[in-house]
């Protein structure tokens, strides 16, 4: 991973404003890309640029983090999870763009929640309660 890409992912994952990206991308970074309106987000995504586009990177990183968090709940509840390795940036961008074009008044988080519900879950060996964040 290039240092530039790593830096952008770091800022996006923390929800911090991205430096030197221009006015267009910055509000999405500070608002939270998953809860922004589909109508706004779909105009900023450029699938042909892949991960060379900062908004595409923010969305892809957010989806990975969101599904990772969902996976902890799924593992704790039933020792199963969504296989993140099946979700490349093209699939994520296509899913969100398709959903957002059809539902500009909604939020992309709704599309990802539906993806999680419909995804095949992979069984895993998991002992409930093994993550102790209160400790």
N, C-alpha and C. Protein backbone atom coordinates (compact mmCIF):
# COMPACT_ATOMS: atom_id res chain seq x y z
N UNK A 1 0.84 -1.16 0.00
CA UNK A 1 0.00 0.00 0.00
C UNK A 1 0.89 1.23 0.00
N UNK A 2 0.54 2.19 -0.83
CA UNK A 2 1.35 3.40 -0.92
C UNK A 2 1.16 4.24 0.35
N UNK A 3 2.17 5.05 0.71
CA UNK A 3 2.02 5.91 1.88
C UNK A 3 0.85 6.88 1.73
N UNK A 4 0.61 7.36 0.51
CA UNK A 4 -0.51 8.29 0.28
C UNK A 4 -1.84 7.60 0.56
N UNK A 5 -2.01 6.38 0.04
CA UNK A 5 -3.24 5.63 0.27
C UNK A 5 -3.40 5.33 1.75
N UNK A 6 -2.32 4.93 2.42
CA UNK A 6 -2.39 4.64 3.84
C UNK A 6 -2.82 5.88 4.62
N UNK A 7 -2.29 7.02 4.25
CA UNK A 7 -2.65 8.28 4.92
C UNK A 7 -4.11 8.63 4.74
N UNK A 8 -4.61 8.48 3.52
CA UNK A 8 -6.01 8.78 3.25
C UNK A 8 -6.92 7.82 4.01
N UNK A 9 -6.57 6.53 4.04
CA UNK A 9 -7.36 5.55 4.78
C UNK A 9 -7.38 5.88 6.27
N UNK A 10 -6.24 6.32 6.79
CA UNK A 10 -6.15 6.68 8.20
C UNK A 10 -7.12 7.81 8.52
N UNK A 11 -7.07 8.89 7.72
CA UNK A 11 -7.97 10.02 7.94
C UNK A 11 -9.43 9.60 7.80
N UNK A 12 -9.73 8.81 6.76
CA UNK A 12 -11.11 8.38 6.51
C UNK A 12 -11.63 7.50 7.63
N UNK A 13 -10.79 6.57 8.10
CA UNK A 13 -11.21 5.65 9.16
C UNK A 13 -11.53 6.39 10.46
N UNK A 14 -10.81 7.46 10.71
CA UNK A 14 -11.04 8.24 11.92
C UNK A 14 -12.11 9.30 11.75
N UNK A 15 -12.59 9.46 10.51
CA UNK A 15 -13.62 10.46 10.25
C UNK A 15 -13.07 11.88 10.28
N UNK A 16 -11.76 12.01 10.05
CA UNK A 16 -11.14 13.33 10.06
C UNK A 16 -11.20 13.96 8.69
N UNK A 17 -11.18 15.29 8.61
CA UNK A 17 -11.15 15.93 7.30
C UNK A 17 -9.88 15.53 6.56
N UNK A 18 -10.01 15.27 5.28
CA UNK A 18 -8.86 14.88 4.49
C UNK A 18 -8.14 16.11 3.97
N UNK A 19 -6.83 16.16 4.14
CA UNK A 19 -6.09 17.34 3.70
C UNK A 19 -5.95 17.38 2.18
N UNK A 20 -5.97 18.58 1.62
CA UNK A 20 -5.69 18.82 0.20
C UNK A 20 -6.58 18.04 -0.76
N UNK A 21 -7.83 17.86 -0.42
CA UNK A 21 -8.73 17.15 -1.32
C UNK A 21 -9.74 18.09 -1.96
N UNK A 22 -9.73 19.33 -1.59
CA UNK A 22 -10.69 20.26 -2.16
C UNK A 22 -11.96 20.28 -1.33
N UNK A 23 -12.81 21.22 -1.63
CA UNK A 23 -14.03 21.42 -0.85
C UNK A 23 -15.04 20.31 -1.07
N UNK A 24 -15.02 19.65 -2.20
CA UNK A 24 -16.05 18.66 -2.52
C UNK A 24 -16.01 17.47 -1.57
N UNK A 25 -14.86 16.91 -1.28
CA UNK A 25 -14.78 15.70 -0.48
C UNK A 25 -14.84 15.97 1.02
N UNK A 26 -14.37 17.10 1.47
CA UNK A 26 -14.23 17.35 2.89
C UNK A 26 -15.52 17.23 3.69
N UNK A 27 -16.67 17.77 3.27
CA UNK A 27 -17.88 17.61 4.08
C UNK A 27 -18.26 16.15 4.30
N UNK A 28 -18.04 15.28 3.34
CA UNK A 28 -18.34 13.86 3.53
C UNK A 28 -17.46 13.26 4.61
N UNK A 29 -16.20 13.68 4.67
CA UNK A 29 -15.28 13.15 5.66
C UNK A 29 -15.66 13.60 7.06
N UNK A 30 -16.14 14.83 7.21
CA UNK A 30 -16.46 15.33 8.53
C UNK A 30 -17.85 14.92 8.97
N UNK A 31 -18.76 14.68 8.04
CA UNK A 31 -20.12 14.29 8.38
C UNK A 31 -20.22 12.81 8.68
N UNK A 32 -19.48 12.00 7.98
CA UNK A 32 -19.60 10.55 8.08
C UNK A 32 -20.22 10.03 6.81
N UNK A 33 -19.45 9.32 6.05
CA UNK A 33 -19.88 8.92 4.72
C UNK A 33 -21.06 7.96 4.74
N UNK A 34 -21.13 7.08 5.72
CA UNK A 34 -22.22 6.10 5.77
C UNK A 34 -23.57 6.69 6.11
N UNK A 35 -23.57 7.84 6.76
CA UNK A 35 -24.83 8.46 7.13
C UNK A 35 -25.14 9.72 6.33
N UNK A 36 -24.33 10.01 5.32
CA UNK A 36 -24.64 11.13 4.43
C UNK A 36 -25.80 10.73 3.53
N UNK A 37 -26.40 11.69 2.86
CA UNK A 37 -27.52 11.34 1.99
C UNK A 37 -27.00 10.68 0.71
N UNK A 38 -27.75 9.72 0.23
CA UNK A 38 -27.40 9.05 -1.02
C UNK A 38 -27.31 10.04 -2.17
N UNK A 39 -28.23 10.99 -2.21
CA UNK A 39 -28.23 11.97 -3.29
C UNK A 39 -26.93 12.75 -3.36
N UNK A 40 -26.38 13.07 -2.22
CA UNK A 40 -25.11 13.81 -2.17
C UNK A 40 -23.94 12.89 -2.49
N UNK A 41 -23.93 11.72 -1.90
CA UNK A 41 -22.81 10.80 -2.05
C UNK A 41 -22.64 10.32 -3.49
N UNK A 42 -23.72 9.98 -4.15
CA UNK A 42 -23.64 9.39 -5.49
C UNK A 42 -22.99 10.35 -6.49
N UNK A 43 -23.10 11.64 -6.26
CA UNK A 43 -22.47 12.59 -7.19
C UNK A 43 -20.96 12.67 -6.98
N UNK A 44 -20.48 12.25 -5.81
CA UNK A 44 -19.05 12.32 -5.50
C UNK A 44 -18.28 11.03 -5.78
N UNK A 45 -18.99 9.93 -5.98
CA UNK A 45 -18.33 8.66 -6.27
C UNK A 45 -18.00 8.56 -7.75
N UNK A 46 -16.80 8.06 -8.05
CA UNK A 46 -16.35 7.90 -9.43
C UNK A 46 -15.76 6.49 -9.57
N UNK A 47 -16.60 5.50 -9.88
CA UNK A 47 -16.14 4.11 -9.91
C UNK A 47 -14.96 3.87 -10.84
N UNK A 48 -14.90 4.58 -11.95
CA UNK A 48 -13.81 4.37 -12.91
C UNK A 48 -12.44 4.73 -12.33
N UNK A 49 -12.41 5.52 -11.26
CA UNK A 49 -11.15 5.90 -10.64
C UNK A 49 -10.72 4.94 -9.54
N UNK A 50 -11.59 3.98 -9.20
CA UNK A 50 -11.23 3.01 -8.17
C UNK A 50 -10.77 3.68 -6.90
N UNK A 51 -9.70 3.16 -6.30
CA UNK A 51 -9.19 3.70 -5.05
C UNK A 51 -8.27 4.90 -5.25
N UNK A 52 -8.21 5.42 -6.47
CA UNK A 52 -7.49 6.66 -6.72
C UNK A 52 -8.35 7.87 -6.38
N UNK A 53 -9.64 7.66 -6.15
CA UNK A 53 -10.57 8.73 -5.82
C UNK A 53 -10.76 8.75 -4.30
N UNK A 54 -10.53 9.89 -3.64
CA UNK A 54 -10.62 9.94 -2.18
C UNK A 54 -12.00 9.59 -1.62
N UNK A 55 -13.07 9.94 -2.30
CA UNK A 55 -14.40 9.62 -1.80
C UNK A 55 -14.65 8.12 -1.93
N UNK A 56 -14.18 7.53 -3.02
CA UNK A 56 -14.28 6.07 -3.18
C UNK A 56 -13.55 5.37 -2.03
N UNK A 57 -12.36 5.87 -1.71
CA UNK A 57 -11.57 5.28 -0.62
C UNK A 57 -12.31 5.41 0.71
N UNK A 58 -12.86 6.59 0.97
CA UNK A 58 -13.60 6.78 2.23
C UNK A 58 -14.75 5.80 2.34
N UNK A 59 -15.50 5.63 1.24
CA UNK A 59 -16.64 4.72 1.27
C UNK A 59 -16.17 3.29 1.50
N UNK A 60 -15.17 2.86 0.75
CA UNK A 60 -14.68 1.49 0.86
C UNK A 60 -14.14 1.20 2.27
N UNK A 61 -13.37 2.14 2.83
CA UNK A 61 -12.83 1.96 4.18
C UNK A 61 -13.95 1.95 5.21
N UNK A 62 -14.93 2.82 5.03
CA UNK A 62 -16.05 2.84 5.96
C UNK A 62 -16.82 1.52 5.93
N UNK A 63 -17.09 0.99 4.74
CA UNK A 63 -17.82 -0.27 4.61
C UNK A 63 -17.05 -1.40 5.28
N UNK A 64 -15.73 -1.46 5.06
CA UNK A 64 -14.94 -2.50 5.70
C UNK A 64 -15.03 -2.40 7.22
N UNK A 65 -14.93 -1.21 7.75
CA UNK A 65 -15.02 -1.02 9.20
C UNK A 65 -16.40 -1.35 9.74
N UNK A 66 -17.42 -0.94 9.02
CA UNK A 66 -18.80 -1.19 9.45
C UNK A 66 -19.09 -2.69 9.47
N UNK A 67 -18.69 -3.39 8.42
CA UNK A 67 -18.94 -4.83 8.38
C UNK A 67 -18.06 -5.55 9.41
N UNK A 68 -16.86 -5.06 9.64
CA UNK A 68 -16.01 -5.66 10.69
C UNK A 68 -16.69 -5.56 12.05
N UNK A 69 -17.29 -4.41 12.35
CA UNK A 69 -18.01 -4.25 13.61
C UNK A 69 -19.22 -5.19 13.66
N UNK A 70 -19.94 -5.28 12.55
CA UNK A 70 -21.08 -6.20 12.49
C UNK A 70 -20.62 -7.63 12.70
N UNK A 71 -19.46 -7.96 12.17
CA UNK A 71 -18.93 -9.32 12.33
C UNK A 71 -18.70 -9.68 13.80
N UNK A 72 -18.26 -8.74 14.60
CA UNK A 72 -18.06 -9.01 16.03
C UNK A 72 -19.40 -9.39 16.65
N UNK A 73 -20.45 -8.63 16.32
CA UNK A 73 -21.78 -8.96 16.86
C UNK A 73 -22.25 -10.31 16.35
N UNK A 74 -22.03 -10.59 15.08
CA UNK A 74 -22.43 -11.89 14.52
C UNK A 74 -21.66 -13.04 15.17
N UNK A 75 -20.37 -12.85 15.38
CA UNK A 75 -19.56 -13.89 16.02
C UNK A 75 -20.00 -14.12 17.45
N UNK A 76 -20.24 -13.07 18.18
CA UNK A 76 -20.68 -13.19 19.57
C UNK A 76 -22.04 -13.86 19.66
N UNK A 77 -22.89 -13.61 18.68
CA UNK A 77 -24.26 -14.13 18.72
C UNK A 77 -24.39 -15.55 18.20
N UNK A 78 -23.56 -15.93 17.21
CA UNK A 78 -23.76 -17.25 16.63
C UNK A 78 -22.54 -17.86 15.97
N UNK A 79 -21.36 -17.38 16.31
CA UNK A 79 -20.11 -17.92 15.75
C UNK A 79 -20.10 -17.95 14.23
N UNK A 80 -20.57 -16.86 13.63
CA UNK A 80 -20.56 -16.74 12.16
C UNK A 80 -20.24 -15.30 11.79
N UNK A 81 -19.81 -15.11 10.55
CA UNK A 81 -19.43 -13.77 10.11
C UNK A 81 -19.56 -13.66 8.60
N UNK A 82 -19.51 -12.42 8.10
CA UNK A 82 -19.50 -12.13 6.68
C UNK A 82 -18.04 -12.13 6.23
N UNK A 83 -17.74 -12.83 5.15
CA UNK A 83 -16.38 -12.90 4.62
C UNK A 83 -16.05 -11.61 3.87
N UNK A 84 -15.26 -10.75 4.50
CA UNK A 84 -14.89 -9.47 3.90
C UNK A 84 -14.04 -9.62 2.64
N UNK A 85 -13.37 -10.74 2.48
CA UNK A 85 -12.50 -10.91 1.32
C UNK A 85 -13.28 -10.97 0.01
N UNK A 86 -14.59 -11.16 0.09
CA UNK A 86 -15.40 -11.21 -1.13
C UNK A 86 -15.85 -9.83 -1.58
N UNK A 87 -15.56 -8.81 -0.79
CA UNK A 87 -16.00 -7.45 -1.12
C UNK A 87 -14.84 -6.58 -1.56
N UNK A 88 -14.64 -6.49 -2.87
CA UNK A 88 -13.62 -5.57 -3.35
C UNK A 88 -14.25 -4.21 -3.60
N UNK A 89 -13.42 -3.22 -3.92
CA UNK A 89 -13.95 -1.86 -4.07
C UNK A 89 -14.98 -1.75 -5.19
N UNK A 90 -14.82 -2.53 -6.25
CA UNK A 90 -15.79 -2.49 -7.35
C UNK A 90 -17.17 -2.94 -6.91
N UNK A 91 -17.24 -4.01 -6.15
CA UNK A 91 -18.54 -4.51 -5.66
C UNK A 91 -19.18 -3.49 -4.72
N UNK A 92 -18.38 -2.92 -3.83
CA UNK A 92 -18.90 -1.95 -2.88
C UNK A 92 -19.42 -0.71 -3.61
N UNK A 93 -18.62 -0.18 -4.52
CA UNK A 93 -19.03 1.02 -5.26
C UNK A 93 -20.28 0.76 -6.08
N UNK A 94 -20.32 -0.37 -6.79
CA UNK A 94 -21.50 -0.71 -7.60
C UNK A 94 -22.75 -0.83 -6.73
N UNK A 95 -22.62 -1.50 -5.60
CA UNK A 95 -23.75 -1.68 -4.70
C UNK A 95 -24.28 -0.34 -4.21
N UNK A 96 -23.40 0.49 -3.70
CA UNK A 96 -23.83 1.76 -3.12
C UNK A 96 -24.34 2.71 -4.21
N UNK A 97 -23.68 2.77 -5.33
CA UNK A 97 -24.14 3.65 -6.41
C UNK A 97 -25.52 3.22 -6.90
N UNK A 98 -25.70 1.93 -7.12
CA UNK A 98 -27.00 1.43 -7.56
C UNK A 98 -28.09 1.75 -6.57
N UNK A 99 -27.82 1.51 -5.29
CA UNK A 99 -28.80 1.78 -4.25
C UNK A 99 -29.09 3.28 -4.16
N UNK A 100 -28.04 4.08 -4.18
CA UNK A 100 -28.21 5.52 -4.00
C UNK A 100 -28.89 6.20 -5.19
N UNK A 101 -28.64 5.70 -6.38
CA UNK A 101 -29.36 6.26 -7.54
C UNK A 101 -30.85 5.97 -7.44
N UNK A 102 -31.20 4.80 -6.94
CA UNK A 102 -32.61 4.42 -6.81
C UNK A 102 -33.27 5.05 -5.58
N UNK A 103 -32.45 5.44 -4.60
CA UNK A 103 -32.97 5.95 -3.32
C UNK A 103 -32.21 7.18 -2.86
N UNK A 104 -32.25 8.28 -3.61
CA UNK A 104 -31.42 9.44 -3.26
C UNK A 104 -31.74 10.06 -1.90
N UNK A 105 -32.92 9.82 -1.38
CA UNK A 105 -33.30 10.41 -0.09
C UNK A 105 -32.84 9.55 1.09
N UNK A 106 -32.37 8.36 0.83
CA UNK A 106 -31.94 7.45 1.91
C UNK A 106 -30.45 7.58 2.17
N UNK A 107 -29.93 6.72 3.03
CA UNK A 107 -28.52 6.73 3.42
C UNK A 107 -27.86 5.42 3.00
N UNK A 108 -26.58 5.46 2.61
CA UNK A 108 -25.90 4.25 2.16
C UNK A 108 -25.80 3.16 3.23
N UNK A 109 -25.87 3.52 4.49
CA UNK A 109 -25.80 2.52 5.55
C UNK A 109 -26.93 1.50 5.39
N UNK A 110 -28.06 1.92 4.85
CA UNK A 110 -29.18 1.01 4.65
C UNK A 110 -28.81 -0.09 3.65
N UNK A 111 -28.09 0.27 2.60
CA UNK A 111 -27.65 -0.72 1.60
C UNK A 111 -26.67 -1.71 2.22
N UNK A 112 -25.81 -1.24 3.09
CA UNK A 112 -24.82 -2.13 3.71
C UNK A 112 -25.49 -3.03 4.74
N UNK A 113 -26.46 -2.50 5.48
CA UNK A 113 -27.21 -3.35 6.40
C UNK A 113 -27.90 -4.49 5.65
N UNK A 114 -28.48 -4.17 4.51
CA UNK A 114 -29.14 -5.20 3.70
C UNK A 114 -28.12 -6.21 3.17
N UNK A 115 -26.96 -5.73 2.75
CA UNK A 115 -25.90 -6.62 2.29
C UNK A 115 -25.51 -7.61 3.40
N UNK A 116 -25.36 -7.10 4.61
CA UNK A 116 -24.99 -7.95 5.74
C UNK A 116 -26.09 -9.00 5.98
N UNK A 117 -27.34 -8.57 5.97
CA UNK A 117 -28.45 -9.51 6.20
C UNK A 117 -28.48 -10.61 5.14
N UNK A 118 -28.25 -10.25 3.88
CA UNK A 118 -28.37 -11.21 2.77
C UNK A 118 -27.11 -12.05 2.53
N UNK A 119 -25.98 -11.60 3.03
CA UNK A 119 -24.72 -12.30 2.79
C UNK A 119 -24.71 -13.68 3.44
N UNK A 120 -24.09 -14.63 2.76
CA UNK A 120 -23.87 -15.94 3.35
C UNK A 120 -22.92 -15.76 4.52
N UNK A 121 -23.27 -16.36 5.64
CA UNK A 121 -22.43 -16.25 6.83
C UNK A 121 -21.52 -17.47 6.90
N UNK A 122 -20.29 -17.22 7.29
CA UNK A 122 -19.27 -18.25 7.41
C UNK A 122 -19.17 -18.64 8.89
N UNK A 123 -19.25 -19.94 9.16
CA UNK A 123 -19.10 -20.42 10.53
C UNK A 123 -17.63 -20.27 10.95
N UNK A 124 -17.43 -19.97 12.19
CA UNK A 124 -16.09 -19.83 12.72
C UNK A 124 -16.04 -20.39 14.13
N UNK A 125 -14.87 -20.80 14.52
CA UNK A 125 -14.68 -21.24 15.90
C UNK A 125 -14.55 -19.96 16.72
N UNK A 126 -15.47 -19.74 17.62
CA UNK A 126 -15.50 -18.50 18.37
C UNK A 126 -16.05 -18.78 19.76
N UNK A 127 -15.37 -18.29 20.74
CA UNK A 127 -15.84 -18.42 22.11
C UNK A 127 -16.44 -17.09 22.53
N UNK A 128 -17.73 -17.09 22.75
CA UNK A 128 -18.44 -15.87 23.11
C UNK A 128 -17.81 -15.24 24.35
N UNK A 129 -17.70 -13.92 24.31
CA UNK A 129 -17.15 -13.18 25.44
C UNK A 129 -15.64 -13.08 25.43
N UNK A 130 -14.98 -13.44 24.31
CA UNK A 130 -13.52 -13.41 24.27
C UNK A 130 -12.96 -12.01 24.05
N UNK A 131 -13.80 -11.08 23.66
CA UNK A 131 -13.33 -9.70 23.50
C UNK A 131 -13.76 -8.94 24.75
N UNK A 132 -12.78 -8.48 25.51
CA UNK A 132 -13.06 -7.81 26.77
C UNK A 132 -12.59 -6.37 26.67
N UNK A 133 -13.48 -5.49 26.21
CA UNK A 133 -13.13 -4.07 26.10
C UNK A 133 -13.39 -3.32 27.39
N UNK A 134 -14.10 -3.94 28.31
CA UNK A 134 -14.36 -3.27 29.58
C UNK A 134 -13.23 -3.49 30.59
N UNK A 135 -12.41 -4.55 30.35
CA UNK A 135 -11.36 -4.98 31.26
C UNK A 135 -10.42 -3.96 31.63
